[in-house]
Amino acid sequence: MPPPGSGPAADPLIQQALDQASSPDLPAADERLLLGLGRTAWLAETSSYSQVRIQAATARQDGAPSRAVVRLVWAGADRAGTLLDGRPAAVHFTQNGDGSWNRTT
């Protein structure tokens, strides 16, 4: 992993490490959809921060094919202006009978 404070140039290395940590196990269309849903949800969660960016993200099954977790690594500055990168987060989803996904946490 790149050292803290490496900035956006290190994001591809973080994505590579996250990708290598687990093998894809969702259909490609679901993975793309969940990545978008997870990113959107996390950006809403971090609205009190500034300079927020998602450094890396993966979407994987969460114990069953109808459950998924989007794991993110993000950077942002808190209200005091302290910018930290490499912050982990997880957003969980369940799949409905119609194939759509709902956030659970």
C-alpha atoms as a PDB file:
ATOM      1  CA  MET A   1       0.000   0.000   0.000  1.00  0.00           C
ATOM      2  CA  PRO A   2       1.189   3.527  -0.683  1.00  0.00           C
ATOM      3  CA  PRO A   3       2.114   5.670   2.298  1.00  0.00           C
ATOM      4  CA  PRO A   4      -0.600   7.910   3.783  1.00  0.00           C
ATOM      5  CA  GLY A   5      -0.839  11.284   2.100  1.00  0.00           C
ATOM      6  CA  SER A   6       0.225   9.978  -1.304  1.00  0.00           C
ATOM      7  CA  GLY A   7      -2.763  11.665  -2.928  1.00  0.00           C
ATOM      8  CA  PRO A   8      -4.836  10.691  -5.967  1.00  0.00           C
ATOM      9  CA  ALA A   9      -1.811   9.284  -7.796  1.00  0.00           C
ATOM     10  CA  ALA A  10      -1.865   6.363  -5.338  1.00  0.00           C
ATOM     11  CA  ASP A  11      -5.546   5.516  -5.898  1.00  0.00           C
ATOM     12  CA  PRO A  12      -4.853   2.946  -8.664  1.00  0.00           C
ATOM     13  CA  LEU A  13      -2.489   1.092  -6.316  1.00  0.00           C
ATOM     14  CA  ILE A  14      -5.169   1.036  -3.625  1.00  0.00           C
ATOM     15  CA  GLN A  15      -7.709  -0.248  -6.153  1.00  0.00           C
ATOM     16  CA  GLN A  16      -5.289  -2.970  -7.229  1.00  0.00           C
ATOM     17  CA  ALA A  17      -4.767  -4.073  -3.610  1.00  0.00           C
ATOM     18  CA  LEU A  18      -8.527  -4.126  -2.982  1.00  0.00           C
ATOM     19  CA  ASP A  19      -9.116  -6.146  -6.164  1.00  0.00           C
ATOM     20  CA  GLN A  20      -6.462  -8.680  -5.145  1.00  0.00           C
ATOM     21  CA  ALA A  21      -7.962  -9.099  -1.664  1.00  0.00           C
ATOM     22  CA  SER A  22     -10.984 -11.019  -3.014  1.00  0.00           C
ATOM     23  CA  SER A  23     -12.138 -12.541  -6.280  1.00  0.00           C
ATOM     24  CA  PRO A  24     -15.187 -11.178  -8.097  1.00  0.00           C
ATOM     25  CA  ASP A  25     -18.260 -13.293  -7.302  1.00  0.00           C
ATOM     26  CA  LEU A  26     -21.162 -11.225  -8.626  1.00  0.00           C
ATOM     27  CA  PRO A  27     -22.494 -10.964 -12.168  1.00  0.00           C
ATOM     28  CA  ALA A  28     -20.670  -8.093 -13.901  1.00  0.00           C
ATOM     29  CA  ALA A  29     -23.860  -6.029 -14.305  1.00  0.00           C
ATOM     30  CA  ASP A  30     -24.689  -6.354 -10.593  1.00  0.00           C
ATOM     31  CA  GLU A  31     -21.118  -5.483  -9.641  1.00  0.00           C
ATOM     32  CA  ARG A  32     -21.207  -2.291 -11.737  1.00  0.00           C
ATOM     33  CA  LEU A  33     -24.615  -1.324 -10.357  1.00  0.00           C
ATOM     34  CA  LEU A  34     -23.577  -1.966  -6.750  1.00  0.00           C
ATOM     35  CA  LEU A  35     -20.357  -0.002  -7.162  1.00  0.00           C
ATOM     36  CA  GLY A  36     -22.386   2.981  -8.350  1.00  0.00           C
ATOM     37  CA  LEU A  37     -24.940   2.588  -5.562  1.00  0.00           C
ATOM     38  CA  GLY A  38     -22.216   2.185  -2.948  1.00  0.00           C
ATOM     39  CA  ARG A  39     -20.272   5.219  -4.130  1.00  0.00           C
ATOM     40  CA  THR A  40     -23.403   7.371  -4.183  1.00  0.00           C
ATOM     41  CA  ALA A  41     -24.457   6.189  -0.718  1.00  0.00           C
ATOM     42  CA  TRP A  42     -21.014   6.803   0.751  1.00  0.00           C
ATOM     43  CA  LEU A  43     -20.696  10.270  -0.735  1.00  0.00           C
ATOM     44  CA  ALA A  44     -24.032  11.109   0.912  1.00  0.00           C
ATOM     45  CA  GLU A  45     -22.733   9.714   4.232  1.00  0.00           C
ATOM     46  CA  THR A  46     -19.663  11.934   4.053  1.00  0.00           C
ATOM     47  CA  SER A  47     -21.445  15.172   3.185  1.00  0.00           C
ATOM     48  CA  SER A  48     -20.020  16.856   6.286  1.00  0.00           C
ATOM     49  CA  TYR A  49     -16.488  16.307   4.966  1.00  0.00           C
ATOM     50  CA  SER A  50     -14.736  18.288   2.248  1.00  0.00           C
ATOM     51  CA  GLN A  51     -12.374  17.156  -0.493  1.00  0.00           C
ATOM     52  CA  VAL A  52     -14.019  13.718  -0.456  1.00  0.00           C
ATOM     53  CA  ARG A  53     -13.004  11.178  -3.041  1.00  0.00           C
ATOM     54  CA  ILE A  54     -13.420   7.441  -3.322  1.00  0.00           C
ATOM     55  CA  GLN A  55      -9.939   6.004  -3.683  1.00  0.00           C
ATOM     56  CA  ALA A  56     -11.030   2.438  -4.472  1.00  0.00           C
ATOM     57  CA  ALA A  57     -14.090   0.188  -4.273  1.00  0.00           C
ATOM     58  CA  THR A  58     -15.157  -3.424  -4.752  1.00  0.00           C
ATOM     59  CA  ALA A  59     -18.547  -5.141  -4.671  1.00  0.00           C
ATOM     60  CA  ARG A  60     -18.716  -8.752  -3.492  1.00  0.00           C
ATOM     61  CA  GLN A  61     -21.263 -11.231  -2.170  1.00  0.00           C
ATOM     62  CA  ASP A  62     -21.848 -10.957   1.549  1.00  0.00           C
ATOM     63  CA  GLY A  63     -22.480 -14.545   2.636  1.00  0.00           C
ATOM     64  CA  ALA A  64     -25.199 -15.272   0.067  1.00  0.00           C
ATOM     65  CA  PRO A  65     -25.878 -14.440  -3.596  1.00  0.00           C
ATOM     66  CA  SER A  66     -28.736 -12.111  -2.575  1.00  0.00           C
ATOM     67  CA  ARG A  67     -26.539 -10.071  -0.213  1.00  0.00           C
ATOM     68  CA  ALA A  68     -23.632  -7.857  -1.199  1.00  0.00           C
ATOM     69  CA  VAL A  69     -21.140  -5.509   0.388  1.00  0.00           C
ATOM     70  CA  VAL A  70     -19.417  -2.601  -1.301  1.00  0.00           C
ATOM     71  CA  ARG A  71     -16.071  -2.006   0.371  1.00  0.00           C
ATOM     72  CA  LEU A  72     -14.607   1.435  -0.167  1.00  0.00           C
ATOM     73  CA  VAL A  73     -11.416   3.248   0.647  1.00  0.00           C
ATOM     74  CA  TRP A  74     -11.930   6.995   0.734  1.00  0.00           C
ATOM     75  CA  ALA A  75     -10.212  10.263   1.538  1.00  0.00           C
ATOM     76  CA  GLY A  76     -11.615  13.480   2.940  1.00  0.00           C
ATOM     77  CA  ALA A  77     -11.036  16.438   5.222  1.00  0.00           C
ATOM     78  CA  ASP A  78     -13.015  16.678   8.450  1.00  0.00           C
ATOM     79  CA  ARG A  79     -14.524  19.908   9.812  1.00  0.00           C
ATOM     80  CA  ALA A  80     -11.167  20.874  11.332  1.00  0.00           C
ATOM     81  CA  GLY A  81      -9.589  20.582   7.876  1.00  0.00           C
ATOM     82  CA  THR A  82      -7.574  17.442   8.626  1.00  0.00           C
ATOM     83  CA  LEU A  83      -7.275  15.513   5.377  1.00  0.00           C
ATOM     84  CA  LEU A  84      -6.940  11.770   5.811  1.00  0.00           C
ATOM     85  CA  ASP A  85      -6.810   9.117   3.147  1.00  0.00           C
ATOM     86  CA  GLY A  86      -7.059   5.347   3.341  1.00  0.00           C
ATOM     87  CA  ARG A  87     -10.302   5.451   5.335  1.00  0.00           C
ATOM     88  CA  PRO A  88     -12.238   2.160   5.043  1.00  0.00           C
ATOM     89  CA  ALA A  89     -16.011   1.895   4.719  1.00  0.00           C
ATOM     90  CA  ALA A  90     -18.597  -0.740   3.865  1.00  0.00           C
ATOM     91  CA  VAL A  91     -22.116  -0.393   2.489  1.00  0.00           C
ATOM     92  CA  HIS A  92     -24.384  -3.470   2.574  1.00  0.00           C
ATOM     93  CA  PHE A  93     -27.183  -4.376   0.162  1.00  0.00           C
ATOM     94  CA  THR A  94     -29.815  -7.086  -0.296  1.00  0.00           C
ATOM     95  CA  GLN A  95     -31.323  -8.110  -3.609  1.00  0.00           C
ATOM     96  CA  ASN A  96     -35.066  -8.007  -4.114  1.00  0.00           C
ATOM     97  CA  GLY A  97     -37.039 -10.610  -6.015  1.00  0.00           C
ATOM     98  CA  ASP A  98     -37.130  -8.294  -9.033  1.00  0.00           C
ATOM     99  CA  GLY A  99     -33.309  -8.162  -9.171  1.00  0.00           C
ATOM    100  CA  SER A 100     -32.961  -4.646  -7.757  1.00  0.00           C
ATOM    101  CA  TRP A 101     -30.745  -3.920  -4.756  1.00  0.00           C
ATOM    102  CA  ASN A 102     -31.641  -2.092  -1.516  1.00  0.00           C
ATOM    103  CA  ARG A 103     -29.175  -0.679   0.970  1.00  0.00           C
ATOM    104  CA  THR A 104     -29.375  -2.307   4.384  1.00  0.00           C
ATOM    105  CA  THR A 105     -26.609  -0.410   6.269  1.00  0.00           C
END
